[in-house]
């Protein structure tokens, strides 16, 4: 069955016709102040002539004359992200900005799709992006954005860097000073699948080597980023290496799952096996025994990201925005 429907004109078509970026077209259509009036009129005339219509999403959620932040998080169910989101929302509200939240599950396809939406619909992005090509796509589109949990990725893109080096060294030094020599790690499977740099794993291997402690290949177990994932990884770890005396987990959620499964299997915590998490989630205080963790000020992480976003929107010197650093602090509880 044939159809006479014309292909939908997109913001990309208008940008190519005028010879400007997608972000410039978006600013013109939403009547933002940061654009030359003559350029704006030329864009609007071209868009009208081509029959361009903004998406229903943009018309419904993005108000004119209001700065819109696109916040990209990995998982709405992970307790780490609500605290980050609270910091973003509070700091954005203080500036009179609105925030639109996207969740990707750290899936490659979804990250690329969300970047496309950010380019069309927001003024600036604050994003947790795992995949390098998604980061590169946003940067190539000239979209101002700030990376959350930047690590060593994308040196040309501003972001908030968590000082994993100081955190991991604090935590592992504490375990080693407590007498542990067979320290295993439960890692996040998403980093393994994405073949992305994982600073926690790299630092774990580095510290163990520096202390002259051998690491068996089976001592690093990947886990789905969930309580259930941590539990399953702990089962595999104990089956292969029942002699481990401590576990360093990628985050608190995974650590809680691993610790609970160890207790269910009859191990004493910390007598038979100690557990160290990373993130400092409040739920870590509710498990028995409470979880020792490397605490990150997650609300402050979100606030700093918005501060950097404001600098990006402030003028042509946006590329001079320096990375901010959040330093974890060791919080010792009953699991060690």
Protein backbone atom coordinates (compact mmCIF):
# COMPACT_ATOMS: atom_id res chain seq x y z
CA UNK A 1 0.00 0.00 0.00
CA UNK A 2 1.52 3.32 -1.06
CA UNK A 3 1.34 6.57 0.84
CA UNK A 4 1.69 10.21 -0.14
CA UNK A 5 2.87 11.31 3.29
CA UNK A 6 5.95 13.51 3.16
CA UNK A 7 8.91 12.68 5.40
CA UNK A 8 8.86 14.67 8.63
CA UNK A 9 11.15 17.70 8.56
CA UNK A 10 13.52 17.54 11.51
CA UNK A 11 15.74 20.04 13.24
CA UNK A 12 18.67 18.46 11.38
CA UNK A 13 17.14 19.40 8.04
CA UNK A 14 16.69 23.01 9.12
CA UNK A 15 20.24 23.20 10.54
CA UNK A 16 21.75 21.91 7.29
CA UNK A 17 19.66 24.28 5.19
CA UNK A 18 20.75 27.32 7.19
CA UNK A 19 24.31 26.14 7.81
CA UNK A 20 24.21 26.24 11.62
CA UNK A 21 24.26 23.68 14.43
CA UNK A 22 21.23 21.83 15.76
CA UNK A 23 21.64 23.65 19.07
CA UNK A 24 21.49 27.03 17.33
CA UNK A 25 18.25 26.03 15.59
CA UNK A 26 16.82 24.86 18.92
CA UNK A 27 17.71 28.18 20.56
CA UNK A 28 16.10 30.14 17.73
CA UNK A 29 12.89 28.12 17.80
CA UNK A 30 12.64 28.41 21.58
CA UNK A 31 13.41 32.16 21.44
CA UNK A 32 16.50 31.96 23.61
CA UNK A 33 18.48 35.12 24.19
CA UNK A 34 21.90 33.70 23.27
CA UNK A 35 21.52 34.09 19.48
CA UNK A 36 21.92 36.91 16.97
CA UNK A 37 18.46 38.32 15.98
CA UNK A 38 19.27 38.19 12.27
CA UNK A 39 20.33 34.55 12.53
CA UNK A 40 17.22 33.72 14.52
CA UNK A 41 14.95 35.26 11.89
CA UNK A 42 16.75 33.43 9.09
CA UNK A 43 16.30 30.13 10.94
CA UNK A 44 12.62 30.79 11.65
CA UNK A 45 11.94 31.74 8.04
CA UNK A 46 13.68 28.61 6.79
CA UNK A 47 11.89 26.38 9.29
CA UNK A 48 8.52 27.83 8.26
CA UNK A 49 9.27 27.42 4.56
CA UNK A 50 10.34 23.79 5.08
CA UNK A 51 7.28 22.97 7.20
CA UNK A 52 9.24 22.18 10.36
CA UNK A 53 7.16 21.59 13.49
CA UNK A 54 8.71 21.11 16.95
CA UNK A 55 8.02 17.75 18.54
CA UNK A 56 5.01 17.35 20.79
CA UNK A 57 7.43 16.57 23.62
CA UNK A 58 9.27 19.84 23.19
CA UNK A 59 6.08 21.88 22.85
CA UNK A 60 4.62 20.27 25.96
CA UNK A 61 7.53 20.24 28.36
CA UNK A 62 10.00 22.93 27.32
CA UNK A 63 8.79 26.45 27.97
CA UNK A 64 10.20 29.39 26.09
CA UNK A 65 12.48 31.88 27.85
CA UNK A 66 13.42 29.16 30.38
CA UNK A 67 16.73 27.31 30.53
CA UNK A 68 16.14 23.57 30.31
CA UNK A 69 18.57 21.00 31.69
CA UNK A 70 18.55 17.45 30.38
CA UNK A 71 19.60 15.18 33.27
CA UNK A 72 20.68 11.71 32.12
CA UNK A 73 21.00 9.00 34.77
CA UNK A 74 21.74 5.31 34.42
CA UNK A 75 19.03 3.77 36.62
CA UNK A 76 16.11 5.37 38.45
CA UNK A 77 15.96 2.36 40.80
CA UNK A 78 19.58 2.61 41.92
CA UNK A 79 19.60 4.55 45.24
CA UNK A 80 22.73 6.42 44.12
CA UNK A 81 20.89 8.47 41.52
CA UNK A 82 17.97 9.95 43.53
CA UNK A 83 20.48 11.78 45.73
CA UNK A 84 22.36 13.10 42.69
CA UNK A 85 19.04 14.11 41.14
CA UNK A 86 18.02 15.94 44.31
CA UNK A 87 21.21 18.00 44.11
CA UNK A 88 20.60 18.81 40.45
CA UNK A 89 16.97 19.78 41.04
CA UNK A 90 17.76 22.00 44.02
CA UNK A 91 20.58 23.82 42.24
CA UNK A 92 18.53 24.20 39.04
CA UNK A 93 15.52 25.55 40.94
CA UNK A 94 17.77 28.11 42.62
CA UNK A 95 18.58 29.44 39.12
CA UNK A 96 14.99 29.26 37.86
CA UNK A 97 15.83 26.41 35.47
CA UNK A 98 13.69 23.39 34.64
CA UNK A 99 15.01 19.82 34.52
CA UNK A 100 13.94 16.97 32.26
CA UNK A 101 15.14 13.53 33.41
CA UNK A 102 16.14 10.65 31.12
CA UNK A 103 17.13 7.12 32.16
CA UNK A 104 19.29 4.85 30.01
CA UNK A 105 20.05 1.73 32.03
CA UNK A 106 23.60 2.27 30.71
CA UNK A 107 22.45 0.59 27.48
CA UNK A 108 24.42 1.60 24.41
CA UNK A 109 21.35 2.11 22.19
CA UNK A 110 19.48 4.16 24.79
CA UNK A 111 22.45 6.41 25.47
CA UNK A 112 22.70 7.28 21.77
CA UNK A 113 18.93 7.87 21.54
CA UNK A 114 18.95 10.12 24.61
CA UNK A 115 21.80 12.20 23.21
CA UNK A 116 19.70 12.79 20.09
CA UNK A 117 16.83 14.01 22.27
CA UNK A 118 19.10 16.25 24.32
CA UNK A 119 20.39 17.98 21.21
CA UNK A 120 16.87 18.83 20.07
CA UNK A 121 15.16 19.65 23.32
CA UNK A 122 17.44 21.14 26.01
CA UNK A 123 19.89 23.98 26.47
CA UNK A 124 22.47 22.02 28.43
CA UNK A 125 22.97 18.41 29.46
CA UNK A 126 24.11 16.92 32.75
CA UNK A 127 24.76 13.30 31.97
CA UNK A 128 26.01 9.99 33.21
CA UNK A 129 27.17 8.38 29.95
CA UNK A 130 29.11 5.14 29.91
CA UNK A 131 29.77 4.71 26.19
CA UNK A 132 32.44 6.79 24.51
CA UNK A 133 30.59 7.20 21.20
CA UNK A 134 27.56 8.64 23.00
CA UNK A 135 29.83 11.19 24.67
CA UNK A 136 31.49 11.93 21.33
CA UNK A 137 28.13 12.38 19.62
CA UNK A 138 27.02 15.02 22.13
CA UNK A 139 30.36 16.83 21.89
CA UNK A 140 30.32 16.80 18.08
CA UNK A 141 26.84 18.36 18.05
CA UNK A 142 28.17 21.35 20.02
CA UNK A 143 25.76 20.60 22.85
CA UNK A 144 26.94 22.13 26.15
CA UNK A 145 26.99 19.29 28.63
CA UNK A 146 28.67 18.14 31.82
CA UNK A 147 29.66 14.56 32.53
CA UNK A 148 28.76 13.01 35.87
CA UNK A 149 31.33 10.50 37.14
CA UNK A 150 33.69 11.55 34.38
CA UNK A 151 36.77 9.56 35.33
CA UNK A 152 39.50 9.89 32.72
CA UNK A 153 37.15 9.96 29.73
CA UNK A 154 36.61 12.75 27.21
CA UNK A 155 39.32 15.24 28.29
CA UNK A 156 37.73 18.02 26.18
CA UNK A 157 34.34 17.68 27.93
CA UNK A 158 33.88 19.27 31.38
CA UNK A 159 32.64 17.10 34.18
CA UNK A 160 32.62 16.14 37.83
CA UNK A 161 35.35 13.64 38.59
CA UNK A 162 35.10 11.30 41.54
CA UNK A 163 38.57 10.81 43.01
CA UNK A 164 38.46 7.04 42.85
CA UNK A 165 42.21 6.81 43.45
CA UNK A 166 42.05 8.30 46.95
CA UNK A 167 38.88 6.36 47.76
CA UNK A 168 40.03 2.91 46.64
CA UNK A 169 43.44 3.39 48.27
CA UNK A 170 41.79 4.39 51.56
CA UNK A 171 39.50 1.39 51.55
CA UNK A 172 41.98 -1.27 50.50
CA UNK A 173 44.68 0.07 52.83
CA UNK A 174 42.21 -0.25 55.70
CA UNK A 175 41.43 -3.88 54.79
CA UNK A 176 45.11 -4.74 54.40
CA UNK A 177 45.99 -3.06 57.69
CA UNK A 178 43.30 -5.21 59.31
CA UNK A 179 45.26 -8.26 58.18
CA UNK A 180 43.44 -9.22 54.98
CA UNK A 181 45.56 -10.64 52.18
CA UNK A 182 43.01 -12.52 50.05
CA UNK A 183 40.81 -9.60 48.96
CA UNK A 184 38.41 -10.22 46.08
CA UNK A 185 36.44 -7.70 44.01
CA UNK A 186 32.88 -7.79 42.66
CA UNK A 187 32.75 -5.49 39.65
CA UNK A 188 29.93 -3.90 37.61
CA UNK A 189 29.09 -6.05 34.58
CA UNK A 190 28.10 -2.95 32.56
CA UNK A 191 31.73 -1.81 32.36
CA UNK A 192 32.83 -5.26 31.25
CA UNK A 193 30.18 -5.45 28.53
CA UNK A 194 30.88 -1.90 27.30
CA UNK A 195 34.64 -2.53 27.37
CA UNK A 196 34.85 0.84 29.11
CA UNK A 197 37.65 1.93 31.46
CA UNK A 198 36.75 0.97 35.03
CA UNK A 199 38.82 3.01 37.50
CA UNK A 200 37.71 0.96 40.50
CA UNK A 201 38.95 -2.31 38.98
CA UNK A 202 42.18 -0.77 37.69
CA UNK A 203 42.95 0.77 41.07
CA UNK A 204 42.14 -2.48 42.89
CA UNK A 205 44.70 -4.30 40.74
CA UNK A 206 47.22 -1.48 41.17
CA UNK A 207 46.97 -1.35 44.96
CA UNK A 208 47.16 -5.13 45.31
CA UNK A 209 50.28 -5.19 43.11
CA UNK A 210 51.87 -2.33 45.06
CA UNK A 211 51.33 -4.26 48.30
CA UNK A 212 52.78 -7.45 46.80
CA UNK A 213 49.47 -9.30 47.07
CA UNK A 214 48.69 -11.71 44.21
CA UNK A 215 45.27 -11.54 42.55
CA UNK A 216 43.85 -14.72 41.10
CA UNK A 217 41.81 -14.24 37.92
CA UNK A 218 38.70 -15.62 39.60
CA UNK A 219 38.94 -13.07 42.39
CA UNK A 220 37.28 -10.45 40.18
CA UNK A 221 33.64 -11.38 39.59
CA UNK A 222 31.32 -9.28 37.36
CA UNK A 223 27.82 -8.61 38.66
CA UNK A 224 24.62 -7.02 37.45
CA UNK A 225 24.24 -3.70 39.25
CA UNK A 226 21.68 -4.91 41.76
CA UNK A 227 21.35 -6.69 45.11
CA UNK A 228 20.54 -9.89 43.23
CA UNK A 229 23.58 -9.40 41.00
CA UNK A 230 25.85 -9.03 44.03
CA UNK A 231 24.40 -12.17 45.59
CA UNK A 232 24.93 -14.25 42.45
CA UNK A 233 28.51 -13.00 42.08
CA UNK A 234 29.24 -13.87 45.71
CA UNK A 235 28.04 -17.42 45.15
CA UNK A 236 30.37 -17.79 42.16
CA UNK A 237 33.25 -16.26 44.09
CA UNK A 238 32.88 -18.61 47.07
CA UNK A 239 32.52 -21.63 44.81
CA UNK A 240 35.83 -20.82 43.13
CA UNK A 241 37.70 -19.26 46.06
CA UNK A 242 36.20 -20.10 49.46
CA UNK A 243 39.41 -18.83 51.09
CA UNK A 244 38.81 -15.10 50.37
CA UNK A 245 38.61 -13.09 53.58
CA UNK A 246 37.40 -9.72 52.24
CA UNK A 247 35.36 -8.40 49.33
CA UNK A 248 35.63 -4.94 47.77
CA UNK A 249 32.46 -4.24 45.75
CA UNK A 250 31.93 -1.79 42.89
CA UNK A 251 29.17 -0.08 44.88
CA UNK A 252 27.01 -0.44 47.98
CA UNK A 253 24.09 -2.11 46.19
CA UNK A 254 26.31 -4.93 44.95
CA UNK A 255 28.10 -5.13 48.31
CA UNK A 256 24.80 -5.49 50.20
CA UNK A 257 23.70 -8.34 47.95
CA UNK A 258 27.06 -10.09 48.35
CA UNK A 259 27.11 -9.66 52.13
CA UNK A 260 23.57 -10.94 52.58
CA UNK A 261 24.27 -14.03 50.48
CA UNK A 262 27.46 -14.72 52.46
CA UNK A 263 25.45 -14.65 55.70
CA UNK A 264 22.80 -16.92 54.17
CA UNK A 265 25.55 -19.39 53.28
CA UNK A 266 26.69 -19.50 56.91
CA UNK A 267 29.64 -17.10 56.87
CA UNK A 268 30.28 -14.74 59.78
CA UNK A 269 30.66 -11.07 58.84
CA UNK A 270 33.29 -9.79 59.40
CA UNK A 271 34.79 -12.85 61.13
CA UNK A 272 34.94 -15.07 58.03
CA UNK A 273 34.63 -12.40 55.35
CA UNK A 274 34.62 -8.60 55.49
CA UNK A 275 32.78 -6.35 53.02
CA UNK A 276 33.62 -2.90 51.67
CA UNK A 277 31.22 -0.90 49.47
CA UNK A 278 31.49 2.31 47.50
CA UNK A 279 28.99 5.24 47.32
CA UNK A 280 27.87 5.69 50.93
CA UNK A 281 24.16 4.90 50.47
CA UNK A 282 21.93 5.31 53.52
CA UNK A 283 20.60 1.76 53.08
CA UNK A 284 24.07 0.49 53.97
CA UNK A 285 23.32 1.38 57.59
CA UNK A 286 20.25 -0.88 57.59
CA UNK A 287 21.92 -4.21 56.81
CA UNK A 288 23.27 -6.44 59.58
CA UNK A 289 26.07 -5.75 60.21
CA UNK A 290 26.08 -2.21 58.76
CA UNK A 291 28.23 -1.82 55.64
CA UNK A 292 31.65 -0.17 55.66
CA UNK A 293 31.76 2.09 52.62
CA UNK A 294 33.55 4.84 50.74
CA UNK A 295 31.10 7.71 51.03
CA UNK A 296 30.48 10.12 48.13
CA UNK A 297 28.56 13.36 48.68
CA UNK A 298 26.04 12.60 45.95
CA UNK A 299 23.87 15.66 46.44
CA UNK A 300 26.93 17.88 46.15
CA UNK A 301 27.87 15.99 42.97
CA UNK A 302 24.59 17.13 41.40
CA UNK A 303 24.97 20.69 42.66
CA UNK A 304 28.47 21.02 41.21
CA UNK A 305 27.28 19.68 37.85
CA UNK A 306 24.71 22.49 37.64
CA UNK A 307 27.35 25.05 38.62
CA UNK A 308 29.48 23.84 35.72
CA UNK A 309 26.47 23.92 33.40
CA UNK A 310 25.89 27.57 34.32
CA UNK A 311 29.49 28.36 33.40
CA UNK A 312 29.06 26.62 30.04
CA UNK A 313 26.07 28.81 29.23
CA UNK A 314 27.83 31.95 30.38
CA UNK A 315 29.78 32.84 27.24
CA UNK A 316 32.37 31.91 24.65
CA UNK A 317 34.92 30.91 27.27
CA UNK A 318 32.86 27.78 28.03
CA UNK A 319 35.69 25.42 27.03
CA UNK A 320 37.76 26.82 29.89
CA UNK A 321 35.47 25.23 32.50
CA UNK A 322 37.65 23.03 34.71
CA UNK A 323 36.67 19.65 36.07
CA UNK A 324 35.43 19.55 39.64
CA UNK A 325 36.50 16.79 42.02
CA UNK A 326 34.52 14.88 44.67
CA UNK A 327 36.65 12.95 47.16
CA UNK A 328 35.24 9.82 48.85
CA UNK A 329 35.65 9.33 52.59
CA UNK A 330 35.99 5.97 54.34
CA UNK A 331 33.11 5.27 56.74
CA UNK A 332 33.91 2.28 58.95
CA UNK A 333 30.99 0.18 60.16
CA UNK A 334 30.40 -3.37 61.31
CA UNK A 335 31.04 -5.26 58.06
CA UNK A 336 34.82 -4.90 58.45
